[in-house]
Amino acid sequence: MRAKTVLPAVAMTAVSMVLTLAVVVMWLGTAVPWPVALVVGLGIDGGWLATLAYERRLAAQGDHNRAVTAVGWSFGILAAGVLVAHALTAEESAGAWLAVAWLPIAAKALWLVHAMWERTALTPVALDAIRGIQQEARDEAAVARARLRAEAATEETRLTAVTEAGARVARVQARTAQALSSAWSTLETARAGEETGRALTSVTARVTPGVTPRWELPVWGPSEPLAARSLESAPALTDEALDVIVDEIRTSETPALSYREMAARFRAAGHAASEMRLRAAWKRVVA
């Protein structure tokens, strides 16, 4: 992975240095002796290469120096300036020389990209951990989406079933109301008819001479509940009378009846008394 960024930077640096040295020798060789032009070219390339090496050493130590970086960019701009000046003064192929004048700046930019890659590079263990976390997050998201879709489908099914059941109940109620309405209309027609009204009156109420009661329709609606009847609607017996009745029933057979048999015959004879009073009377009689 490191070679993907360092190899292009090395290649671009080598090409730009060779090109800068060749341009300086050809350009200045006509004005000064060629050894002097060679020294100038090597000075530019050497200064650039020295600052680059020092920057790489600082980067390997986890450090950074802005002054060294500024000097390195200055040498790169100087080399690019030499190439641009040569391209502008060249009589032939000026466009071609100008097209390659950006190579020193491009080489510095590639080394900058490589340094950024080194500062952000992770070990294979860390990358595997990150991939595992990302995969786990994707799995949880997929499970959550599936759960939401299943719950939505279930709720939709439930609402559909409830709606259909309500519709069936409404249809049954409508048919029942229609049948009741039809029956009520039939009763009203029978009540309004002269012959049918007289016939129904004769069977629903006793005919009194000179009085013809009118047959009324049955009530269709809520009815009031009947009042609860009292368990002892008959007049309550006194203790003396209750003792006499209990003694007569108990001794009506030989041997004497038990309390349960006496109580059953007491109530079968139509007498009324609470269980507490009846048991108290039994104890008084037996004592």
C-alpha atoms as a PDB file:
ATOM      1  CA  MET A   1       0.000   0.000   0.000  1.00  0.00           C
ATOM      2  CA  ARG A   2       2.901   2.410   0.738  1.00  0.00           C
ATOM      3  CA  ALA A   3       4.330   1.884  -2.759  1.00  0.00           C
ATOM      4  CA  LYS A   4       1.131   3.269  -4.325  1.00  0.00           C
ATOM      5  CA  THR A   5       2.031   6.788  -3.148  1.00  0.00           C
ATOM      6  CA  VAL A   6       5.827   6.736  -2.819  1.00  0.00           C
ATOM      7  CA  LEU A   7       6.665   5.323  -6.267  1.00  0.00           C
ATOM      8  CA  PRO A   8       4.849   8.056  -8.259  1.00  0.00           C
ATOM      9  CA  ALA A   9       6.489  10.710  -6.072  1.00  0.00           C
ATOM     10  CA  VAL A  10       9.982   9.227  -6.633  1.00  0.00           C
ATOM     11  CA  ALA A  11       9.414   8.927 -10.384  1.00  0.00           C
ATOM     12  CA  MET A  12       8.115  12.486 -10.693  1.00  0.00           C
ATOM     13  CA  THR A  13      11.044  13.794  -8.614  1.00  0.00           C
ATOM     14  CA  ALA A  14      13.594  12.015 -10.820  1.00  0.00           C
ATOM     15  CA  VAL A  15      12.016  13.277 -14.039  1.00  0.00           C
ATOM     16  CA  SER A  16      11.782  16.854 -12.773  1.00  0.00           C
ATOM     17  CA  MET A  17      15.418  16.844 -11.554  1.00  0.00           C
ATOM     18  CA  VAL A  18      16.743  15.512 -14.869  1.00  0.00           C
ATOM     19  CA  LEU A  19      14.614  17.964 -16.793  1.00  0.00           C
ATOM     20  CA  THR A  20      15.721  20.900 -14.626  1.00  0.00           C
ATOM     21  CA  LEU A  21      19.396  19.973 -14.976  1.00  0.00           C
ATOM     22  CA  ALA A  22      19.089  19.607 -18.764  1.00  0.00           C
ATOM     23  CA  VAL A  23      17.268  22.921 -19.167  1.00  0.00           C
ATOM     24  CA  VAL A  24      19.789  24.802 -17.014  1.00  0.00           C
ATOM     25  CA  VAL A  25      22.747  23.347 -18.941  1.00  0.00           C
ATOM     26  CA  MET A  26      21.195  24.101 -22.356  1.00  0.00           C
ATOM     27  CA  TRP A  27      19.906  27.522 -21.374  1.00  0.00           C
ATOM     28  CA  LEU A  28      22.908  28.842 -19.482  1.00  0.00           C
ATOM     29  CA  GLY A  29      25.483  26.927 -21.559  1.00  0.00           C
ATOM     30  CA  THR A  30      25.340  29.561 -24.288  1.00  0.00           C
ATOM     31  CA  ALA A  31      26.093  32.388 -21.846  1.00  0.00           C
ATOM     32  CA  VAL A  32      28.527  30.745 -19.409  1.00  0.00           C
ATOM     33  CA  PRO A  33      30.814  27.740 -19.626  1.00  0.00           C
ATOM     34  CA  TRP A  34      28.942  24.492 -19.424  1.00  0.00           C
ATOM     35  CA  PRO A  35      30.616  23.378 -16.138  1.00  0.00           C
ATOM     36  CA  VAL A  36      29.178  26.497 -14.477  1.00  0.00           C
ATOM     37  CA  ALA A  37      25.726  25.737 -15.879  1.00  0.00           C
ATOM     38  CA  LEU A  38      26.073  22.144 -14.659  1.00  0.00           C
ATOM     39  CA  VAL A  39      26.934  23.338 -11.152  1.00  0.00           C
ATOM     40  CA  VAL A  40      23.909  25.664 -11.146  1.00  0.00           C
ATOM     41  CA  GLY A  41      21.605  22.844 -12.218  1.00  0.00           C
ATOM     42  CA  LEU A  42      23.051  20.449  -9.653  1.00  0.00           C
ATOM     43  CA  GLY A  43      22.725  23.128  -6.988  1.00  0.00           C
ATOM     44  CA  ILE A  44      19.037  23.570  -7.685  1.00  0.00           C
ATOM     45  CA  ASP A  45      18.401  19.815  -7.757  1.00  0.00           C
ATOM     46  CA  GLY A  46      20.702  19.172  -4.804  1.00  0.00           C
ATOM     47  CA  GLY A  47      19.032  21.795  -2.631  1.00  0.00           C
ATOM     48  CA  TRP A  48      15.636  20.381  -3.500  1.00  0.00           C
ATOM     49  CA  LEU A  49      16.757  16.803  -2.831  1.00  0.00           C
ATOM     50  CA  ALA A  50      18.441  17.751   0.482  1.00  0.00           C
ATOM     51  CA  THR A  51      15.375  19.549   1.853  1.00  0.00           C
ATOM     52  CA  LEU A  52      13.206  16.637   0.715  1.00  0.00           C
ATOM     53  CA  ALA A  53      15.426  14.130   2.529  1.00  0.00           C
ATOM     54  CA  TYR A  54      15.345  16.214   5.690  1.00  0.00           C
ATOM     55  CA  GLU A  55      11.557  16.499   5.511  1.00  0.00           C
ATOM     56  CA  ARG A  56      11.289  12.724   5.167  1.00  0.00           C
ATOM     57  CA  ARG A  57      13.563  12.242   8.194  1.00  0.00           C
ATOM     58  CA  LEU A  58      11.409  14.577  10.300  1.00  0.00           C
ATOM     59  CA  ALA A  59       8.253  12.817   9.103  1.00  0.00           C
ATOM     60  CA  ALA A  60       9.717   9.427  10.110  1.00  0.00           C
ATOM     61  CA  GLN A  61      10.261  10.837  13.614  1.00  0.00           C
ATOM     62  CA  GLY A  62       6.716  12.192  13.766  1.00  0.00           C
ATOM     63  CA  ASP A  63       7.951  15.796  13.594  1.00  0.00           C
ATOM     64  CA  HIS A  64       7.497  18.720  11.239  1.00  0.00           C
ATOM     65  CA  ASN A  65       9.482  21.919  10.518  1.00  0.00           C
ATOM     66  CA  ARG A  66       7.840  24.751   8.650  1.00  0.00           C
ATOM     67  CA  ALA A  67      11.153  26.402   7.726  1.00  0.00           C
ATOM     68  CA  VAL A  68      12.429  23.250   6.015  1.00  0.00           C
ATOM     69  CA  THR A  69       9.121  22.871   4.224  1.00  0.00           C
ATOM     70  CA  ALA A  70       9.266  26.492   3.027  1.00  0.00           C
ATOM     71  CA  VAL A  71      12.856  26.007   1.754  1.00  0.00           C
ATOM     72  CA  GLY A  72      11.809  22.850  -0.097  1.00  0.00           C
ATOM     73  CA  TRP A  73       8.896  24.599  -1.775  1.00  0.00           C
ATOM     74  CA  SER A  74      11.214  27.496  -2.645  1.00  0.00           C
ATOM     75  CA  PHE A  75      13.573  25.150  -4.498  1.00  0.00           C
ATOM     76  CA  GLY A  76      10.585  23.570  -6.265  1.00  0.00           C
ATOM     77  CA  ILE A  77       9.243  26.964  -7.326  1.00  0.00           C
ATOM     78  CA  LEU A  78      12.741  27.991  -8.469  1.00  0.00           C
ATOM     79  CA  ALA A  79      13.038  24.888 -10.640  1.00  0.00           C
ATOM     80  CA  ALA A  80       9.586  25.488 -12.094  1.00  0.00           C
ATOM     81  CA  GLY A  81      10.520  29.151 -12.711  1.00  0.00           C
ATOM     82  CA  VAL A  82      13.649  28.108 -14.605  1.00  0.00           C
ATOM     83  CA  LEU A  83      11.588  25.805 -16.792  1.00  0.00           C
ATOM     84  CA  VAL A  84       8.976  28.502 -17.449  1.00  0.00           C
ATOM     85  CA  ALA A  85      11.659  31.101 -18.283  1.00  0.00           C
ATOM     86  CA  HIS A  86      13.351  28.699 -20.658  1.00  0.00           C
ATOM     87  CA  ALA A  87      10.038  27.919 -22.338  1.00  0.00           C
ATOM     88  CA  LEU A  88       9.273  31.632 -22.833  1.00  0.00           C
ATOM     89  CA  THR A  89      12.705  32.374 -24.312  1.00  0.00           C
ATOM     90  CA  ALA A  90      12.984  29.261 -26.442  1.00  0.00           C
ATOM     91  CA  GLU A  91      12.712  29.867 -30.174  1.00  0.00           C
ATOM     92  CA  GLU A  92      11.480  26.377 -30.959  1.00  0.00           C
ATOM     93  CA  SER A  93       9.032  24.089 -29.121  1.00  0.00           C
ATOM     94  CA  ALA A  94       8.129  26.762 -26.586  1.00  0.00           C
ATOM     95  CA  GLY A  95       4.731  25.163 -25.978  1.00  0.00           C
ATOM     96  CA  ALA A  96       6.269  21.756 -25.258  1.00  0.00           C
ATOM     97  CA  TRP A  97       8.744  23.204 -22.733  1.00  0.00           C
ATOM     98  CA  LEU A  98       5.982  25.194 -21.086  1.00  0.00           C
ATOM     99  CA  ALA A  99       3.837  22.055 -20.824  1.00  0.00           C
ATOM    100  CA  VAL A 100       6.450  20.261 -18.687  1.00  0.00           C
ATOM    101  CA  ALA A 101       7.301  23.284 -16.536  1.00  0.00           C
ATOM    102  CA  TRP A 102       4.833  22.126 -13.840  1.00  0.00           C
ATOM    103  CA  LEU A 103       6.749  18.874 -13.099  1.00  0.00           C
ATOM    104  CA  PRO A 104       8.759  20.186 -10.085  1.00  0.00           C
ATOM    105  CA  ILE A 105       5.587  21.524  -8.422  1.00  0.00           C
ATOM    106  CA  ALA A 106       3.807  18.224  -9.210  1.00  0.00           C
ATOM    107  CA  ALA A 107       6.639  16.262  -7.586  1.00  0.00           C
ATOM    108  CA  LYS A 108       6.382  18.336  -4.405  1.00  0.00           C
ATOM    109  CA  ALA A 109       2.613  17.841  -4.394  1.00  0.00           C
ATOM    110  CA  LEU A 110       3.031  14.057  -4.710  1.00  0.00           C
ATOM    111  CA  TRP A 111       5.411  14.038  -1.730  1.00  0.00           C
ATOM    112  CA  LEU A 112       2.814  16.055   0.205  1.00  0.00           C
ATOM    113  CA  VAL A 113       0.152  13.457  -0.630  1.00  0.00           C
ATOM    114  CA  HIS A 114       2.491  10.664   0.462  1.00  0.00           C
ATOM    115  CA  ALA A 115       3.159  12.430   3.791  1.00  0.00           C
ATOM    116  CA  MET A 116      -0.579  12.814   4.389  1.00  0.00           C
ATOM    117  CA  TRP A 117      -1.061   9.112   3.640  1.00  0.00           C
ATOM    118  CA  GLU A 118       1.618   8.194   6.173  1.00  0.00           C
ATOM    119  CA  ARG A 119       0.005  10.355   8.866  1.00  0.00           C
ATOM    120  CA  THR A 120      -3.374   8.685   8.326  1.00  0.00           C
ATOM    121  CA  ALA A 121      -2.201   5.107   7.654  1.00  0.00           C
ATOM    122  CA  LEU A 122      -3.549   2.357   9.931  1.00  0.00           C
ATOM    123  CA  THR A 123      -2.294  -1.109  10.749  1.00  0.00           C
ATOM    124  CA  PRO A 124      -4.035  -4.179   9.302  1.00  0.00           C
ATOM    125  CA  VAL A 125      -5.409  -5.016  12.760  1.00  0.00           C
ATOM    126  CA  ALA A 126      -7.033  -1.595  13.061  1.00  0.00           C
ATOM    127  CA  LEU A 127      -8.424  -1.844   9.531  1.00  0.00           C
ATOM    128  CA  ASP A 128      -9.903  -5.270  10.299  1.00  0.00           C
ATOM    129  CA  ALA A 129     -11.477  -3.864  13.481  1.00  0.00           C
ATOM    130  CA  ILE A 130     -12.970  -0.947  11.550  1.00  0.00           C
ATOM    131  CA  ARG A 131     -14.354  -3.282   8.893  1.00  0.00           C
ATOM    132  CA  GLY A 132     -15.849  -5.473  11.623  1.00  0.00           C
ATOM    133  CA  ILE A 133     -17.511  -2.481  13.286  1.00  0.00           C
ATOM    134  CA  GLN A 134     -18.883  -1.262   9.983  1.00  0.00           C
ATOM    135  CA  GLN A 135     -20.193  -4.725   9.120  1.00  0.00           C
ATOM    136  CA  GLU A 136     -21.824  -5.040  12.552  1.00  0.00           C
ATOM    137  CA  ALA A 137     -23.484  -1.647  12.104  1.00  0.00           C
ATOM    138  CA  ARG A 138     -24.764  -2.681   8.658  1.00  0.00           C
ATOM    139  CA  ASP A 139     -26.104  -5.952  10.097  1.00  0.00           C
ATOM    140  CA  GLU A 140     -27.904  -4.158  12.930  1.00  0.00           C
ATOM    141  CA  ALA A 141     -29.388  -1.643  10.497  1.00  0.00           C
ATOM    142  CA  ALA A 142     -30.602  -4.444   8.211  1.00  0.00           C
ATOM    143  CA  VAL A 143     -32.153  -6.322  11.143  1.00  0.00           C
ATOM    144  CA  ALA A 144     -33.863  -3.133  12.360  1.00  0.00           C
ATOM    145  CA  ARG A 145     -35.255  -2.463   8.871  1.00  0.00           C
ATOM    146  CA  ALA A 146     -36.530  -6.045   8.607  1.00  0.00           C
ATOM    147  CA  ARG A 147     -38.141  -5.808  12.074  1.00  0.00           C
ATOM    148  CA  LEU A 148     -39.858  -2.530  11.178  1.00  0.00           C
ATOM    149  CA  ARG A 149     -41.132  -3.964   7.895  1.00  0.00           C
ATOM    150  CA  ALA A 150     -42.458  -7.076   9.680  1.00  0.00           C
ATOM    151  CA  GLU A 151     -44.186  -4.996  12.366  1.00  0.00           C
ATOM    152  CA  ALA A 152     -45.704  -2.748   9.710  1.00  0.00           C
ATOM    153  CA  ALA A 153     -47.007  -5.766   7.780  1.00  0.00           C
ATOM    154  CA  THR A 154     -48.434  -7.292  10.974  1.00  0.00           C
ATOM    155  CA  GLU A 155     -50.153  -4.045  11.923  1.00  0.00           C
ATOM    156  CA  GLU A 156     -51.545  -3.711   8.414  1.00  0.00           C
ATOM    157  CA  THR A 157     -52.922  -7.266   8.592  1.00  0.00           C
ATOM    158  CA  ARG A 158     -54.471  -6.603  12.009  1.00  0.00           C
ATOM    159  CA  LEU A 159     -56.103  -3.377  10.856  1.00  0.00           C
ATOM    160  CA  THR A 160     -57.446  -5.102   7.763  1.00  0.00           C
ATOM    161  CA  ALA A 161     -58.939  -7.920   9.875  1.00  0.00           C
ATOM    162  CA  VAL A 162     -60.484  -5.456  12.336  1.00  0.00           C
ATOM    163  CA  THR A 163     -61.903  -3.367   9.518  1.00  0.00           C
ATOM    164  CA  GLU A 164     -63.395  -6.402   7.795  1.00  0.00           C
ATOM    165  CA  ALA A 165     -64.894  -7.644  11.077  1.00  0.00           C
ATOM    166  CA  GLY A 166     -66.394  -4.227  11.735  1.00  0.00           C
ATOM    167  CA  ALA A 167     -67.822  -4.144   8.235  1.00  0.00           C
ATOM    168  CA  ARG A 168     -69.405  -7.581   8.761  1.00  0.00           C
ATOM    169  CA  VAL A 169     -70.927  -6.469  12.058  1.00  0.00           C
ATOM    170  CA  ALA A 170     -72.261  -3.319  10.428  1.00  0.00           C
ATOM    171  CA  ARG A 171     -73.821  -5.352   7.611  1.00  0.00           C
ATOM    172  CA  VAL A 172     -75.460  -7.751  10.102  1.00  0.00           C
ATOM    173  CA  GLN A 173     -76.812  -4.833  12.125  1.00  0.00           C
ATOM    174  CA  ALA A 174     -78.121  -3.198   8.965  1.00  0.00           C
ATOM    175  CA  ARG A 175     -79.887  -6.400   7.905  1.00  0.00           C
ATOM    176  CA  THR A 176     -81.314  -6.832  11.420  1.00  0.00           C
ATOM    177  CA  ALA A 177     -82.545  -3.252  11.485  1.00  0.00           C
ATOM    178  CA  GLN A 178     -84.073  -3.707   8.062  1.00  0.00           C
ATOM    179  CA  ALA A 179     -85.846  -6.894   9.173  1.00  0.00           C
ATOM    180  CA  LEU A 180     -87.136  -5.204  12.351  1.00  0.00           C
ATOM    181  CA  SER A 181     -88.273  -2.212  10.330  1.00  0.00           C
ATOM    182  CA  SER A 182     -90.099  -4.496   7.921  1.00  0.00           C
ATOM    183  CA  ALA A 183     -91.765  -6.388  10.798  1.00  0.00           C
ATOM    184  CA  TRP A 184     -92.737  -3.135  12.474  1.00  0.00           C
ATOM    185  CA  SER A 185     -94.200  -1.862   9.209  1.00  0.00           C
ATOM    186  CA  THR A 186     -96.224  -5.089   8.921  1.00  0.00           C
ATOM    187  CA  LEU A 187     -97.523  -4.654  12.495  1.00  0.00           C
ATOM    188  CA  GLU A 188     -98.423  -1.042  11.814  1.00  0.00           C
ATOM    189  CA  THR A 189    -100.277  -2.030   8.658  1.00  0.00           C
ATOM    190  CA  ALA A 190    -102.187  -4.726  10.581  1.00  0.00           C
ATOM    191  CA  ARG A 191    -102.998  -2.256  13.346  1.00  0.00           C
ATOM    192  CA  ALA A 192    -104.213   0.371  10.918  1.00  0.00           C
ATOM    193  CA  GLY A 193    -106.466  -2.060   9.041  1.00  0.00           C
ATOM    194  CA  GLU A 194    -110.099  -2.038  10.212  1.00  0.00           C
ATOM    195  CA  GLU A 195    -110.753  -5.781  10.012  1.00  0.00           C
ATOM    196  CA  THR A 196    -107.380  -6.930  11.275  1.00  0.00           C
ATOM    197  CA  GLY A 197    -107.507  -4.369  14.081  1.00  0.00           C
ATOM    198  CA  ARG A 198    -110.877  -5.671  15.301  1.00  0.00           C
ATOM    199  CA  ALA A 199    -109.673  -9.271  15.150  1.00  0.00           C
ATOM    200  CA  LEU A 200    -106.490  -8.521  17.062  1.00  0.00           C
ATOM    201  CA  THR A 201    -108.442  -6.543  19.639  1.00  0.00           C
ATOM    202  CA  SER A 202    -110.703  -9.480  20.283  1.00  0.00           C
ATOM    203  CA  VAL A 203    -107.808 -11.834  20.989  1.00  0.00           C
ATOM    204  CA  THR A 204    -105.584  -9.501  22.935  1.00  0.00           C
ATOM    205  CA  ALA A 205    -108.074  -8.167  25.499  1.00  0.00           C
ATOM    206  CA  ARG A 206    -111.397  -9.229  27.002  1.00  0.00           C
ATOM    207  CA  VAL A 207    -114.331  -7.661  25.152  1.00  0.00           C
ATOM    208  CA  THR A 208    -116.391  -5.509  27.502  1.00  0.00           C
ATOM    209  CA  PRO A 209    -119.928  -4.663  26.370  1.00  0.00           C
ATOM    210  CA  GLY A 210    -119.948  -1.237  24.843  1.00  0.00           C
ATOM    211  CA  VAL A 211    -116.153  -0.849  25.063  1.00  0.00           C
ATOM    212  CA  THR A 212    -113.708  -1.814  22.333  1.00  0.00           C
ATOM    213  CA  PRO A 213    -110.169  -1.421  23.621  1.00  0.00           C
ATOM    214  CA  ARG A 214    -107.629  -0.350  21.040  1.00  0.00           C
ATOM    215  CA  TRP A 215    -104.817  -2.799  20.272  1.00  0.00           C
ATOM    216  CA  GLU A 216    -101.476  -1.153  20.885  1.00  0.00           C
ATOM    217  CA  LEU A 217     -98.183  -1.969  19.223  1.00  0.00           C
ATOM    218  CA  PRO A 218     -95.562  -3.647  21.398  1.00  0.00           C
ATOM    219  CA  VAL A 219     -92.852  -1.402  22.729  1.00  0.00           C
ATOM    220  CA  TRP A 220     -89.695  -1.463  20.654  1.00  0.00           C
ATOM    221  CA  GLY A 221     -86.896  -0.029  22.764  1.00  0.00           C
ATOM    222  CA  PRO A 222     -85.267  -0.238  26.168  1.00  0.00           C
ATOM    223  CA  SER A 223     -87.417  -1.594  28.938  1.00  0.00           C
ATOM    224  CA  GLU A 224     -87.239  -0.847  32.661  1.00  0.00           C
ATOM    225  CA  PRO A 225     -86.301  -3.794  34.943  1.00  0.00           C
ATOM    226  CA  LEU A 226     -88.935  -5.141  37.304  1.00  0.00           C
ATOM    227  CA  ALA A 227     -88.555  -4.414  40.968  1.00  0.00           C
ATOM    228  CA  ALA A 228     -87.068  -7.264  42.915  1.00  0.00           C
ATOM    229  CA  ARG A 229     -89.586  -9.227  44.911  1.00  0.00           C
ATOM    230  CA  SER A 230     -89.118  -9.596  48.629  1.00  0.00           C
ATOM    231  CA  LEU A 231     -88.118 -13.033  49.863  1.00  0.00           C
ATOM    232  CA  GLU A 232     -90.702 -12.744  52.648  1.00  0.00           C
ATOM    233  CA  SER A 233     -93.610 -11.044  50.974  1.00  0.00           C
ATOM    234  CA  ALA A 234     -96.090 -12.799  53.317  1.00  0.00           C
ATOM    235  CA  PRO A 235     -96.672 -11.414  56.840  1.00  0.00           C
ATOM    236  CA  ALA A 236     -93.885 -12.517  59.205  1.00  0.00           C
ATOM    237  CA  LEU A 237     -94.810 -15.156  61.791  1.00  0.00           C
ATOM    238  CA  THR A 238     -94.307 -14.454  65.489  1.00  0.00           C
ATOM    239  CA  ASP A 239     -91.850 -16.557  67.471  1.00  0.00           C
ATOM    240  CA  GLU A 240     -94.672 -18.382  69.292  1.00  0.00           C
ATOM    241  CA  ALA A 241     -96.510 -19.250  66.080  1.00  0.00           C
ATOM    242  CA  LEU A 242     -93.254 -20.285  64.422  1.00  0.00           C
ATOM    243  CA  ASP A 243     -92.416 -22.577  67.377  1.00  0.00           C
ATOM    244  CA  VAL A 244     -95.835 -24.241  67.179  1.00  0.00           C
ATOM    245  CA  ILE A 245     -95.545 -24.913  63.425  1.00  0.00           C
ATOM    246  CA  VAL A 246     -91.993 -26.244  63.749  1.00  0.00           C
ATOM    247  CA  ASP A 247     -92.976 -28.573  66.620  1.00  0.00           C
ATOM    248  CA  GLU A 248     -96.008 -29.884  64.727  1.00  0.00           C
ATOM    249  CA  ILE A 249     -93.944 -30.670  61.619  1.00  0.00           C
ATOM    250  CA  ARG A 250     -91.101 -32.244  63.638  1.00  0.00           C
ATOM    251  CA  THR A 251     -93.386 -34.578  65.599  1.00  0.00           C
ATOM    252  CA  SER A 252     -95.649 -35.427  62.674  1.00  0.00           C
ATOM    253  CA  GLU A 253     -93.757 -38.692  62.223  1.00  0.00           C
ATOM    254  CA  THR A 254     -92.062 -41.197  64.463  1.00  0.00           C
ATOM    255  CA  PRO A 255     -89.195 -40.958  64.965  1.00  0.00           C
ATOM    256  CA  ALA A 256     -89.080 -37.156  64.893  1.00  0.00           C
ATOM    257  CA  LEU A 257     -87.874 -35.478  61.723  1.00  0.00           C
ATOM    258  CA  SER A 258     -84.423 -33.953  61.376  1.00  0.00           C
ATOM    259  CA  TYR A 259     -83.940 -30.211  60.918  1.00  0.00           C
ATOM    260  CA  ARG A 260     -83.342 -30.521  57.174  1.00  0.00           C
ATOM    261  CA  GLU A 261     -86.517 -32.588  56.641  1.00  0.00           C
ATOM    262  CA  MET A 262     -88.525 -30.243  58.853  1.00  0.00           C
ATOM    263  CA  ALA A 263     -87.253 -27.171  56.960  1.00  0.00           C
ATOM    264  CA  ALA A 264     -88.138 -28.735  53.600  1.00  0.00           C
ATOM    265  CA  ARG A 265     -91.699 -29.556  54.743  1.00  0.00           C
ATOM    266  CA  PHE A 266     -92.010 -26.101  56.372  1.00  0.00           C
ATOM    267  CA  ARG A 267     -91.331 -24.335  53.086  1.00  0.00           C
ATOM    268  CA  ALA A 268     -93.361 -26.862  51.078  1.00  0.00           C
ATOM    269  CA  ALA A 269     -96.393 -26.010  53.268  1.00  0.00           C
ATOM    270  CA  GLY A 270     -96.111 -22.376  52.120  1.00  0.00           C
ATOM    271  CA  HIS A 271     -94.740 -20.891  55.319  1.00  0.00           C
ATOM    272  CA  ALA A 272     -92.109 -18.133  55.121  1.00  0.00           C
ATOM    273  CA  ALA A 273     -89.326 -17.458  57.585  1.00  0.00           C
ATOM    274  CA  SER A 274     -85.657 -16.672  57.361  1.00  0.00           C
ATOM    275  CA  GLU A 275     -83.136 -19.445  57.879  1.00  0.00           C
ATOM    276  CA  MET A 276     -81.853 -17.801  61.048  1.00  0.00           C
ATOM    277  CA  ARG A 277     -85.334 -17.573  62.633  1.00  0.00           C
ATOM    278  CA  LEU A 278     -86.224 -21.095  61.561  1.00  0.00           C
ATOM    279  CA  ARG A 279     -83.034 -22.547  63.092  1.00  0.00           C
ATOM    280  CA  ALA A 280     -83.624 -20.557  66.300  1.00  0.00           C
ATOM    281  CA  ALA A 281     -87.187 -21.933  66.531  1.00  0.00           C
ATOM    282  CA  TRP A 282     -85.838 -25.485  66.023  1.00  0.00           C
ATOM    283  CA  LYS A 283     -83.399 -25.035  68.890  1.00  0.00           C
ATOM    284  CA  ARG A 284     -86.130 -23.739  71.201  1.00  0.00           C
ATOM    285  CA  VAL A 285     -88.446 -26.627  70.378  1.00  0.00           C
ATOM    286  CA  VAL A 286     -85.795 -29.333  70.714  1.00  0.00           C
ATOM    287  CA  ALA A 287     -84.366 -27.924  73.954  1.00  0.00           C
END
